[in-house]
PDB file of N, CA and C in Angstrom:
ATOM      1  N   UNK A   1    -225.586  -4.583  16.985  1.00  0.00           N
ATOM      2  CA  UNK A   1    -224.944  -4.589  18.741  1.00  0.00           C
ATOM      3  C   UNK A   1    -224.320  -6.118  17.472  1.00  0.00           C
ATOM      4  N   UNK A   2    -222.997  -6.418  18.400  1.00  0.00           N
ATOM      5  CA  UNK A   2    -222.577  -7.649  17.373  1.00  0.00           C
ATOM      6  C   UNK A   2    -221.867  -8.813  17.854  1.00  0.00           C
ATOM      7  N   UNK A   3    -221.964  -9.616  17.872  1.00  0.00           N
ATOM      8  CA  UNK A   3    -221.518 -11.334  19.104  1.00  0.00           C
ATOM      9  C   UNK A   3    -220.034 -10.610  18.193  1.00  0.00           C
ATOM     10  N   UNK A   4    -218.861 -11.259  18.793  1.00  0.00           N
ATOM     11  CA  UNK A   4    -218.032 -11.270  18.757  1.00  0.00           C
ATOM     12  C   UNK A   4    -217.545 -13.309  19.034  1.00  0.00           C
ATOM     13  N   UNK A   5    -216.829 -13.781  17.949  1.00  0.00           N
ATOM     14  CA  UNK A   5    -215.868 -15.258  18.961  1.00  0.00           C
ATOM     15  C   UNK A   5    -214.871 -14.902  19.284  1.00  0.00           C
ATOM     16  N   UNK A   6    -214.881 -15.081  20.929  1.00  0.00           N
ATOM     17  CA  UNK A   6    -214.065 -14.935  21.574  1.00  0.00           C
ATOM     18  C   UNK A   6    -212.690 -16.510  20.433  1.00  0.00           C
ATOM     19  N   UNK A   7    -211.976 -16.923  20.433  1.00  0.00           N
ATOM     20  CA  UNK A   7    -210.695 -18.032  20.345  1.00  0.00           C
ATOM     21  C   UNK A   7    -210.848 -19.635  21.766  1.00  0.00           C
ATOM     22  N   UNK A   8    -211.183 -20.234  21.630  1.00  0.00           N
ATOM     23  CA  UNK A   8    -211.057 -20.364  23.248  1.00  0.00           C
ATOM     24  C   UNK A   8    -210.205 -21.468  23.870  1.00  0.00           C
ATOM     25  N   UNK A   9    -209.176 -21.257  22.688  1.00  0.00           N
ATOM     26  CA  UNK A   9    -207.457 -21.133  23.092  1.00  0.00           C
ATOM     27  C   UNK A   9    -206.550 -19.751  23.916  1.00  0.00           C
ATOM     28  N   UNK A  10    -207.226 -19.359  23.373  1.00  0.00           N
ATOM     29  CA  UNK A  10    -206.146 -17.737  23.161  1.00  0.00           C
ATOM     30  C   UNK A  10    -206.750 -16.932  23.011  1.00  0.00           C
ATOM     31  N   UNK A  11    -207.783 -16.727  23.685  1.00  0.00           N
ATOM     32  CA  UNK A  11    -209.037 -16.197  24.602  1.00  0.00           C
ATOM     33  C   UNK A  11    -208.756 -14.511  23.371  1.00  0.00           C
ATOM     34  N   UNK A  12    -208.670 -14.869  21.987  1.00  0.00           N
ATOM     35  CA  UNK A  12    -208.163 -13.683  21.357  1.00  0.00           C
ATOM     36  C   UNK A  12    -209.628 -13.952  19.561  1.00  0.00           C
ATOM     37  N   UNK A  13    -210.395 -12.062  19.618  1.00  0.00           N
ATOM     38  CA  UNK A  13    -211.580 -12.157  18.739  1.00  0.00           C
ATOM     39  C   UNK A  13    -210.705 -13.227  18.023  1.00  0.00           C
ATOM     40  N   UNK A  14    -212.016 -13.854  17.684  1.00  0.00           N
ATOM     41  CA  UNK A  14    -211.382 -14.226  15.439  1.00  0.00           C
ATOM     42  C   UNK A  14    -212.613 -14.458  14.506  1.00  0.00           C
ATOM     43  N   UNK A  15    -214.421 -13.862  15.910  1.00  0.00           N
ATOM     44  CA  UNK A  15    -214.874 -13.456  14.155  1.00  0.00           C
ATOM     45  C   UNK A  15    -215.734 -12.132  14.791  1.00  0.00           C
ATOM     46  N   UNK A  16    -216.008 -11.346  14.519  1.00  0.00           N
ATOM     47  CA  UNK A  16    -216.918 -10.129  14.834  1.00  0.00           C
ATOM     48  C   UNK A  16    -218.329 -10.068  13.336  1.00  0.00           C
ATOM     49  N   UNK A  17    -219.005 -10.735  14.001  1.00  0.00           N
ATOM     50  CA  UNK A  17    -220.916 -10.541  13.158  1.00  0.00           C
ATOM     51  C   UNK A  17    -221.367  -8.992  13.694  1.00  0.00           C
ATOM     52  N   UNK A  18    -222.315  -8.863  12.850  1.00  0.00           N
ATOM     53  CA  UNK A  18    -223.313  -7.612  13.049  1.00  0.00           C
ATOM     54  C   UNK A  18    -224.597  -8.666  13.138  1.00  0.00           C
ATOM     55  N   UNK A  19    -226.044  -8.197  14.328  1.00  0.00           N
ATOM     56  CA  UNK A  19    -226.884  -9.057  15.297  1.00  0.00           C
ATOM     57  C   UNK A  19    -227.631  -8.111  15.291  1.00  0.00           C
ATOM     58  N   UNK A  20    -228.095  -8.480  14.783  1.00  0.00           N
ATOM     59  CA  UNK A  20    -230.223  -7.801  14.914  1.00  0.00           C
ATOM     60  C   UNK A  20    -230.539  -8.006  16.993  1.00  0.00           C
ATOM     61  N   UNK A  21    -230.042 -10.066  17.121  1.00  0.00           N
ATOM     62  CA  UNK A  21    -230.704 -10.290  18.747  1.00  0.00           C
ATOM     63  C   UNK A  21    -229.685 -11.328  18.733  1.00  0.00           C
ATOM     64  N   UNK A  22    -229.735 -11.056  20.365  1.00  0.00           N
ATOM     65  CA  UNK A  22    -228.139 -11.741  20.550  1.00  0.00           C
ATOM     66  C   UNK A  22    -228.546 -13.150  19.985  1.00  0.00           C
ATOM     67  N   UNK A  23    -229.760 -14.228  20.094  1.00  0.00           N
ATOM     68  CA  UNK A  23    -229.561 -14.968  19.482  1.00  0.00           C
ATOM     69  C   UNK A  23    -230.423 -15.230  18.023  1.00  0.00           C
ATOM     70  N   UNK A  24    -229.912 -14.979  17.299  1.00  0.00           N
ATOM     71  CA  UNK A  24    -229.740 -13.794  15.835  1.00  0.00           C
ATOM     72  C   UNK A  24    -229.180 -16.157  14.639  1.00  0.00           C
ATOM     73  N   UNK A  25    -227.666 -15.925  16.234  1.00  0.00           N
ATOM     74  CA  UNK A  25    -226.262 -16.472  15.697  1.00  0.00           C
ATOM     75  C   UNK A  25    -225.979 -17.745  16.751  1.00  0.00           C
ATOM     76  N   UNK A  26    -226.684 -19.085  17.124  1.00  0.00           N
ATOM     77  CA  UNK A  26    -226.165 -20.307  17.605  1.00  0.00           C
ATOM     78  C   UNK A  26    -225.241 -19.958  18.485  1.00  0.00           C
ATOM     79  N   UNK A  27    -224.714 -20.390  19.171  1.00  0.00           N
ATOM     80  CA  UNK A  27    -223.615 -19.735  19.845  1.00  0.00           C
ATOM     81  C   UNK A  27    -222.258 -20.158  20.031  1.00  0.00           C
ATOM     82  N   UNK A  28    -222.969 -21.663  19.305  1.00  0.00           N
ATOM     83  CA  UNK A  28    -221.408 -22.771  18.977  1.00  0.00           C
ATOM     84  C   UNK A  28    -220.886 -22.401  16.522  1.00  0.00           C
ATOM     85  N   UNK A  29    -221.691 -21.291  16.497  1.00  0.00           N
ATOM     86  CA  UNK A  29    -221.506 -20.874  15.460  1.00  0.00           C
ATOM     87  C   UNK A  29    -220.143 -21.177  15.270  1.00  0.00           C
ATOM     88  N   UNK A  30    -219.654 -20.216  15.114  1.00  0.00           N
ATOM     89  CA  UNK A  30    -217.962 -20.938  15.696  1.00  0.00           C
ATOM     90  C   UNK A  30    -217.999 -22.711  16.947  1.00  0.00           C
ATOM     91  N   UNK A  31    -217.348 -23.133  16.270  1.00  0.00           N
ATOM     92  CA  UNK A  31    -216.739 -24.030  17.573  1.00  0.00           C
ATOM     93  C   UNK A  31    -216.449 -24.514  17.792  1.00  0.00           C
ATOM     94  N   UNK A  32    -214.393 -23.732  17.590  1.00  0.00           N
ATOM     95  CA  UNK A  32    -213.337 -23.572  18.619  1.00  0.00           C
ATOM     96  C   UNK A  32    -213.768 -21.779  18.926  1.00  0.00           C
ATOM     97  N   UNK A  33    -215.345 -21.902  19.016  1.00  0.00           N
ATOM     98  CA  UNK A  33    -215.245 -19.667  20.274  1.00  0.00           C
ATOM     99  C   UNK A  33    -216.366 -19.812  20.561  1.00  0.00           C
ATOM    100  N   UNK A  34    -216.168 -19.243  21.729  1.00  0.00           N
ATOM    101  CA  UNK A  34    -217.201 -18.604  22.402  1.00  0.00           C
ATOM    102  C   UNK A  34    -217.474 -17.355  22.389  1.00  0.00           C
ATOM    103  N   UNK A  35    -219.184 -17.501  22.182  1.00  0.00           N
ATOM    104  CA  UNK A  35    -219.115 -16.007  21.562  1.00  0.00           C
ATOM    105  C   UNK A  35    -219.452 -14.628  23.315  1.00  0.00           C
ATOM    106  N   UNK A  36    -219.060 -13.868  22.688  1.00  0.00           N
ATOM    107  CA  UNK A  36    -219.129 -12.475  23.802  1.00  0.00           C
ATOM    108  C   UNK A  36    -219.833 -11.099  22.778  1.00  0.00           C
ATOM    109  N   UNK A  37    -221.306 -10.789  23.443  1.00  0.00           N
ATOM    110  CA  UNK A  37    -222.266 -10.586  23.132  1.00  0.00           C
ATOM    111  C   UNK A  37    -221.604  -8.702  23.245  1.00  0.00           C
ATOM    112  N   UNK A  38    -221.674  -7.976  21.512  1.00  0.00           N
ATOM    113  CA  UNK A  38    -220.770  -6.413  22.022  1.00  0.00           C
ATOM    114  C   UNK A  38    -222.479  -5.309  21.996  1.00  0.00           C
ATOM    115  N   UNK A  39    -222.772  -5.035  22.532  1.00  0.00           N
ATOM    116  CA  UNK A  39    -224.614  -4.113  22.575  1.00  0.00           C
ATOM    117  C   UNK A  39    -223.606  -3.215  21.765  1.00  0.00           C
ATOM    118  N   UNK A  40    -222.881  -2.325  22.527  1.00  0.00           N
ATOM    119  CA  UNK A  40    -222.411  -1.211  22.345  1.00  0.00           C
ATOM    120  C   UNK A  40    -221.818  -1.244  20.111  1.00  0.00           C
ATOM    121  N   UNK A  41    -221.703  -1.725  20.083  1.00  0.00           N
ATOM    122  CA  UNK A  41    -220.937  -2.486  18.266  1.00  0.00           C
ATOM    123  C   UNK A  41    -219.867  -1.307  18.836  1.00  0.00           C
ATOM    124  N   UNK A  42    -219.167  -1.590  19.809  1.00  0.00           N
ATOM    125  CA  UNK A  42    -217.824  -0.774  19.802  1.00  0.00           C
ATOM    126  C   UNK A  42    -216.385  -2.171  19.120  1.00  0.00           C
ATOM    127  N   UNK A  43    -216.367  -2.687  19.899  1.00  0.00           N
ATOM    128  CA  UNK A  43    -215.470  -4.339  19.577  1.00  0.00           C
ATOM    129  C   UNK A  43    -215.375  -4.395  17.663  1.00  0.00           C
ATOM    130  N   UNK A  44    -214.074  -4.087  17.318  1.00  0.00           N
ATOM    131  CA  UNK A  44    -214.501  -3.293  15.267  1.00  0.00           C
ATOM    132  C   UNK A  44    -212.786  -4.194  15.413  1.00  0.00           C
ATOM    133  N   UNK A  45    -212.726  -4.872  16.154  1.00  0.00           N
ATOM    134  CA  UNK A  45    -209.832  -4.711  16.056  1.00  0.00           C
ATOM    135  C   UNK A  45    -210.195  -6.366  15.959  1.00  0.00           C
ATOM    136  N   UNK A  46    -209.029  -7.061  15.713  1.00  0.00           N
ATOM    137  CA  UNK A  46    -208.536  -7.754  15.887  1.00  0.00           C
ATOM    138  C   UNK A  46    -207.915  -8.672  16.500  1.00  0.00           C
ATOM    139  N   UNK A  47    -206.530  -7.550  17.837  1.00  0.00           N
ATOM    140  CA  UNK A  47    -205.926  -7.696  17.783  1.00  0.00           C
ATOM    141  C   UNK A  47    -206.137  -6.831  19.407  1.00  0.00           C
ATOM    142  N   UNK A  48    -208.181  -7.788  20.115  1.00  0.00           N
ATOM    143  CA  UNK A  48    -208.103  -8.129  20.727  1.00  0.00           C
ATOM    144  C   UNK A  48    -208.736  -9.174  22.306  1.00  0.00           C
ATOM    145  N   UNK A  49    -207.760  -9.780  23.030  1.00  0.00           N
ATOM    146  CA  UNK A  49    -207.919 -10.056  24.253  1.00  0.00           C
ATOM    147  C   UNK A  49    -208.985 -10.138  25.518  1.00  0.00           C
ATOM    148  N   UNK A  50    -209.813 -11.211  25.336  1.00  0.00           N
ATOM    149  CA  UNK A  50    -211.184 -11.283  25.546  1.00  0.00           C
ATOM    150  C   UNK A  50    -210.228 -11.359  27.522  1.00  0.00           C
ATOM    151  N   UNK A  51    -210.594 -11.343  28.535  1.00  0.00           N
ATOM    152  CA  UNK A  51    -209.678 -11.455  29.755  1.00  0.00           C
ATOM    153  C   UNK A  51    -211.986 -12.077  30.000  1.00  0.00           C
ATOM    154  N   UNK A  52    -211.918 -12.981  31.309  1.00  0.00           N
ATOM    155  CA  UNK A  52    -212.925 -13.748  31.049  1.00  0.00           C
ATOM    156  C   UNK A  52    -212.965 -13.440  32.770  1.00  0.00           C
ATOM    157  N   UNK A  53    -212.428 -12.716  33.220  1.00  0.00           N
ATOM    158  CA  UNK A  53    -212.125 -12.102  35.218  1.00  0.00           C
ATOM    159  C   UNK A  53    -212.924 -11.319  34.715  1.00  0.00           C
ATOM    160  N   UNK A  54    -212.176  -9.927  34.580  1.00  0.00           N
ATOM    161  CA  UNK A  54    -212.607  -8.710  33.956  1.00  0.00           C
ATOM    162  C   UNK A  54    -213.660  -8.053  33.271  1.00  0.00           C
ATOM    163  N   UNK A  55    -214.462  -9.796  32.430  1.00  0.00           N
ATOM    164  CA  UNK A  55    -215.022  -9.262  31.381  1.00  0.00           C
ATOM    165  C   UNK A  55    -214.521  -7.948  30.630  1.00  0.00           C
ATOM    166  N   UNK A  56    -213.422  -8.079  30.760  1.00  0.00           N
ATOM    167  CA  UNK A  56    -213.620  -6.083  29.284  1.00  0.00           C
ATOM    168  C   UNK A  56    -212.199  -6.805  28.249  1.00  0.00           C
ATOM    169  N   UNK A  57    -211.548  -6.384  27.288  1.00  0.00           N
ATOM    170  CA  UNK A  57    -211.282  -7.119  26.346  1.00  0.00           C
ATOM    171  C   UNK A  57    -209.750  -5.848  26.191  1.00  0.00           C
ATOM    172  N   UNK A  58    -208.873  -6.701  25.102  1.00  0.00           N
ATOM    173  CA  UNK A  58    -207.128  -5.888  26.118  1.00  0.00           C
ATOM    174  C   UNK A  58    -206.343  -5.987  25.186  1.00  0.00           C
ATOM    175  N   UNK A  59    -206.119  -5.199  24.957  1.00  0.00           N
ATOM    176  CA  UNK A  59    -205.271  -4.336  23.325  1.00  0.00           C
ATOM    177  C   UNK A  59    -203.363  -5.502  23.304  1.00  0.00           C
ATOM    178  N   UNK A  60    -204.090  -6.746  22.235  1.00  0.00           N
ATOM    179  CA  UNK A  60    -202.634  -6.928  22.247  1.00  0.00           C
ATOM    180  C   UNK A  60    -201.699  -6.193  21.244  1.00  0.00           C
ATOM    181  N   UNK A  61    -200.055  -6.447  21.545  1.00  0.00           N
ATOM    182  CA  UNK A  61    -199.057  -5.145  20.845  1.00  0.00           C
ATOM    183  C   UNK A  61    -198.368  -6.549  20.202  1.00  0.00           C
ATOM    184  N   UNK A  62    -198.694  -6.222  18.744  1.00  0.00           N
ATOM    185  CA  UNK A  62    -197.194  -6.282  17.742  1.00  0.00           C
ATOM    186  C   UNK A  62    -198.981  -7.807  17.013  1.00  0.00           C
ATOM    187  N   UNK A  63    -200.883  -7.351  17.253  1.00  0.00           N
ATOM    188  CA  UNK A  63    -200.695  -7.889  16.366  1.00  0.00           C
ATOM    189  C   UNK A  63    -202.208  -7.187  15.745  1.00  0.00           C
ATOM    190  N   UNK A  64    -202.356  -6.751  14.211  1.00  0.00           N
ATOM    191  CA  UNK A  64    -202.061  -5.662  13.808  1.00  0.00           C
ATOM    192  C   UNK A  64    -203.921  -5.780  13.955  1.00  0.00           C
ATOM    193  N   UNK A  65    -204.557  -4.633  13.773  1.00  0.00           N
ATOM    194  CA  UNK A  65    -206.394  -4.411  14.352  1.00  0.00           C
ATOM    195  C   UNK A  65    -207.503  -5.793  13.379  1.00  0.00           C
ATOM    196  N   UNK A  66    -206.243  -5.141  11.937  1.00  0.00           N
ATOM    197  CA  UNK A  66    -207.887  -5.643  10.990  1.00  0.00           C
ATOM    198  C   UNK A  66    -207.080  -6.552  10.767  1.00  0.00           C
ATOM    199  N   UNK A  67    -207.316  -7.249  10.406  1.00  0.00           N
ATOM    200  CA  UNK A  67    -206.966  -8.558   9.283  1.00  0.00           C
ATOM    201  C   UNK A  67    -206.995  -8.451   7.448  1.00  0.00           C
ATOM    202  N   UNK A  68    -206.047  -8.183   7.063  1.00  0.00           N
ATOM    203  CA  UNK A  68    -206.369  -7.861   5.905  1.00  0.00           C
ATOM    204  C   UNK A  68    -206.473  -9.691   5.477  1.00  0.00           C
ATOM    205  N   UNK A  69    -208.074  -9.875   4.744  1.00  0.00           N
ATOM    206  CA  UNK A  69    -208.472 -10.810   4.317  1.00  0.00           C
ATOM    207  C   UNK A  69    -209.078 -11.042   3.115  1.00  0.00           C
ATOM    208  N   UNK A  70    -208.262 -11.802   2.163  1.00  0.00           N
ATOM    209  CA  UNK A  70    -209.031 -12.042   0.472  1.00  0.00           C
ATOM    210  C   UNK A  70    -209.454 -13.015   0.412  1.00  0.00           C
ATOM    211  N   UNK A  71    -210.713 -12.626  -0.177  1.00  0.00           N
ATOM    212  CA  UNK A  71    -212.792 -13.584  -0.346  1.00  0.00           C
ATOM    213  C   UNK A  71    -212.907 -13.989  -1.303  1.00  0.00           C
ATOM    214  N   UNK A  72    -211.771 -15.376  -1.238  1.00  0.00           N
ATOM    215  CA  UNK A  72    -211.633 -16.016  -2.812  1.00  0.00           C
ATOM    216  C   UNK A  72    -213.180 -16.698  -3.705  1.00  0.00           C
ATOM    217  N   UNK A  73    -213.697 -16.006  -4.229  1.00  0.00           N
ATOM    218  CA  UNK A  73    -214.694 -16.304  -5.069  1.00  0.00           C
ATOM    219  C   UNK A  73    -215.020 -18.095  -4.709  1.00  0.00           C
ATOM    220  N   UNK A  74    -215.704 -18.513  -4.025  1.00  0.00           N
ATOM    221  CA  UNK A  74    -216.430 -20.319  -4.975  1.00  0.00           C
ATOM    222  C   UNK A  74    -217.144 -20.177  -5.926  1.00  0.00           C
ATOM    223  N   UNK A  75    -216.413 -21.353  -6.724  1.00  0.00           N
ATOM    224  CA  UNK A  75    -217.298 -21.134  -8.677  1.00  0.00           C
ATOM    225  C   UNK A  75    -218.107 -22.321  -8.016  1.00  0.00           C
ATOM    226  N   UNK A  76    -219.325 -21.495  -9.315  1.00  0.00           N
ATOM    227  CA  UNK A  76    -220.820 -21.788  -9.018  1.00  0.00           C
ATOM    228  C   UNK A  76    -221.447 -22.521 -10.124  1.00  0.00           C
ATOM    229  N   UNK A  77    -221.636 -24.021  -9.552  1.00  0.00           N
ATOM    230  CA  UNK A  77    -222.133 -24.528 -10.840  1.00  0.00           C
ATOM    231  C   UNK A  77    -222.541 -24.424 -12.944  1.00  0.00           C
ATOM    232  N   UNK A  78    -222.641 -23.525 -12.906  1.00  0.00           N
ATOM    233  CA  UNK A  78    -223.279 -21.594 -13.615  1.00  0.00           C
ATOM    234  C   UNK A  78    -220.765 -22.065 -14.070  1.00  0.00           C
ATOM    235  N   UNK A  79    -220.147 -21.724 -13.391  1.00  0.00           N
ATOM    236  CA  UNK A  79    -218.960 -21.924 -13.638  1.00  0.00           C
ATOM    237  C   UNK A  79    -218.158 -22.346 -14.471  1.00  0.00           C
ATOM    238  N   UNK A  80    -219.013 -24.191 -13.353  1.00  0.00           N
ATOM    239  CA  UNK A  80    -218.201 -25.537 -13.956  1.00  0.00           C
ATOM    240  C   UNK A  80    -218.765 -25.564 -15.250  1.00  0.00           C
ATOM    241  N   UNK A  81    -220.198 -24.951 -15.759  1.00  0.00           N
ATOM    242  CA  UNK A  81    -220.727 -25.151 -17.307  1.00  0.00           C
ATOM    243  C   UNK A  81    -219.537 -24.795 -18.592  1.00  0.00           C
ATOM    244  N   UNK A  82    -219.598 -23.585 -18.015  1.00  0.00           N
ATOM    245  CA  UNK A  82    -218.452 -22.834 -18.669  1.00  0.00           C
ATOM    246  C   UNK A  82    -217.253 -23.108 -19.186  1.00  0.00           C
ATOM    247  N   UNK A  83    -216.795 -23.441 -17.706  1.00  0.00           N
ATOM    248  CA  UNK A  83    -215.317 -23.876 -17.575  1.00  0.00           C
ATOM    249  C   UNK A  83    -215.680 -25.330 -19.045  1.00  0.00           C
ATOM    250  N   UNK A  84    -216.806 -26.160 -18.149  1.00  0.00           N
ATOM    251  CA  UNK A  84    -216.649 -26.755 -19.471  1.00  0.00           C
ATOM    252  C   UNK A  84    -216.595 -26.943 -21.030  1.00  0.00           C
ATOM    253  N   UNK A  85    -217.523 -25.801 -21.405  1.00  0.00           N
ATOM    254  CA  UNK A  85    -217.944 -25.953 -22.252  1.00  0.00           C
ATOM    255  C   UNK A  85    -216.251 -24.639 -23.792  1.00  0.00           C
ATOM    256  N   UNK A  86    -215.448 -24.237 -22.112  1.00  0.00           N
ATOM    257  CA  UNK A  86    -214.874 -24.161 -23.055  1.00  0.00           C
ATOM    258  C   UNK A  86    -213.896 -25.300 -23.116  1.00  0.00           C
ATOM    259  N   UNK A  87    -213.701 -26.077 -22.428  1.00  0.00           N
ATOM    260  CA  UNK A  87    -212.970 -27.489 -22.435  1.00  0.00           C
ATOM    261  C   UNK A  87    -213.303 -27.718 -23.880  1.00  0.00           C
ATOM    262  N   UNK A  88    -214.338 -28.521 -24.000  1.00  0.00           N
ATOM    263  CA  UNK A  88    -214.415 -29.149 -25.206  1.00  0.00           C
ATOM    264  C   UNK A  88    -214.115 -28.141 -26.389  1.00  0.00           C
ATOM    265  N   UNK A  89    -214.280 -26.744 -27.034  1.00  0.00           N
ATOM    266  CA  UNK A  89    -213.671 -26.510 -27.307  1.00  0.00           C
ATOM    267  C   UNK A  89    -212.929 -26.569 -28.315  1.00  0.00           C
ATOM    268  N   UNK A  90    -211.657 -25.687 -26.762  1.00  0.00           N
ATOM    269  CA  UNK A  90    -210.302 -25.922 -27.149  1.00  0.00           C
ATOM    270  C   UNK A  90    -209.824 -27.726 -27.061  1.00  0.00           C
ATOM    271  N   UNK A  91    -210.516 -29.187 -27.309  1.00  0.00           N
ATOM    272  CA  UNK A  91    -210.370 -30.150 -27.591  1.00  0.00           C
ATOM    273  C   UNK A  91    -210.716 -30.601 -29.211  1.00  0.00           C
ATOM    274  N   UNK A  92    -212.044 -29.746 -29.222  1.00  0.00           N
ATOM    275  CA  UNK A  92    -211.977 -29.411 -30.870  1.00  0.00           C
ATOM    276  C   UNK A  92    -211.276 -28.947 -31.106  1.00  0.00           C
ATOM    277  N   UNK A  93    -210.241 -27.201 -31.315  1.00  0.00           N
ATOM    278  CA  UNK A  93    -209.213 -26.974 -31.797  1.00  0.00           C
ATOM    279  C   UNK A  93    -208.112 -27.776 -32.057  1.00  0.00           C
ATOM    280  N   UNK A  94    -207.107 -28.801 -30.455  1.00  0.00           N
ATOM    281  CA  UNK A  94    -206.419 -29.542 -30.211  1.00  0.00           C
ATOM    282  C   UNK A  94    -206.648 -30.421 -31.659  1.00  0.00           C
ATOM    283  N   UNK A  95    -207.569 -31.074 -31.746  1.00  0.00           N
ATOM    284  CA  UNK A  95    -208.109 -32.068 -33.257  1.00  0.00           C
ATOM    285  C   UNK A  95    -207.459 -32.080 -34.071  1.00  0.00           C
ATOM    286  N   UNK A  96    -208.632 -30.410 -34.665  1.00  0.00           N
ATOM    287  CA  UNK A  96    -208.426 -29.317 -35.610  1.00  0.00           C
ATOM    288  C   UNK A  96    -206.382 -29.522 -35.966  1.00  0.00           C
ATOM    289  N   UNK A  97    -206.053 -29.136 -34.491  1.00  0.00           N
ATOM    290  CA  UNK A  97    -204.529 -28.184 -35.474  1.00  0.00           C
ATOM    291  C   UNK A  97    -203.879 -29.934 -35.962  1.00  0.00           C
ATOM    292  N   UNK A  98    -204.006 -30.916 -34.701  1.00  0.00           N
ATOM    293  CA  UNK A  98    -202.944 -31.842 -34.562  1.00  0.00           C
ATOM    294  C   UNK A  98    -202.901 -33.056 -35.930  1.00  0.00           C
ATOM    295  N   UNK A  99    -204.710 -32.702 -36.607  1.00  0.00           N
ATOM    296  CA  UNK A  99    -205.782 -33.326 -37.696  1.00  0.00           C
ATOM    297  C   UNK A  99    -204.527 -32.831 -39.161  1.00  0.00           C
ATOM    298  N   UNK A 100    -203.876 -31.366 -38.558  1.00  0.00           N
ATOM    299  CA  UNK A 100    -203.502 -30.864 -40.284  1.00  0.00           C
ATOM    300  C   UNK A 100    -201.786 -31.029 -39.821  1.00  0.00           C
ATOM    301  N   UNK A 101    -201.447 -31.205 -38.726  1.00  0.00           N
ATOM    302  CA  UNK A 101    -200.072 -31.338 -38.671  1.00  0.00           C
ATOM    303  C   UNK A 101    -199.764 -33.041 -39.072  1.00  0.00           C
ATOM    304  N   UNK A 102    -200.592 -33.390 -38.807  1.00  0.00           N
ATOM    305  CA  UNK A 102    -200.639 -35.292 -39.552  1.00  0.00           C
ATOM    306  C   UNK A 102    -200.362 -35.287 -40.980  1.00  0.00           C
ATOM    307  N   UNK A 103    -201.501 -34.621 -41.687  1.00  0.00           N
ATOM    308  CA  UNK A 103    -201.369 -33.477 -43.076  1.00  0.00           C
ATOM    309  C   UNK A 103    -200.047 -33.710 -43.607  1.00  0.00           C
ATOM    310  N   UNK A 104    -199.559 -33.091 -43.461  1.00  0.00           N
ATOM    311  CA  UNK A 104    -197.901 -32.284 -44.625  1.00  0.00           C
ATOM    312  C   UNK A 104    -196.710 -33.493 -43.332  1.00  0.00           C
TER     313      UNK A 104
END
């Protein structure tokens, strides 16, 4: 089963999330969307517009079916610690190089 979140302004599919029960995610999970339950799990594309009158999805020409999304890893505390350590090492190397340049 999918919980399909539809953009309130455009009625276009915004998010498709697999769920076990219809109340697994709150209806306001995405504030700019309203949910539609896809019990058969048939909805798998983003080029669909939801028709509130017929309660059916319609294909929108010219919109790609699957969004090409690149997920960028969010830095963790550990990542920041590693970067800070690397920065300290680079500062120490720079200071040594500057000392060598000043000696000559």
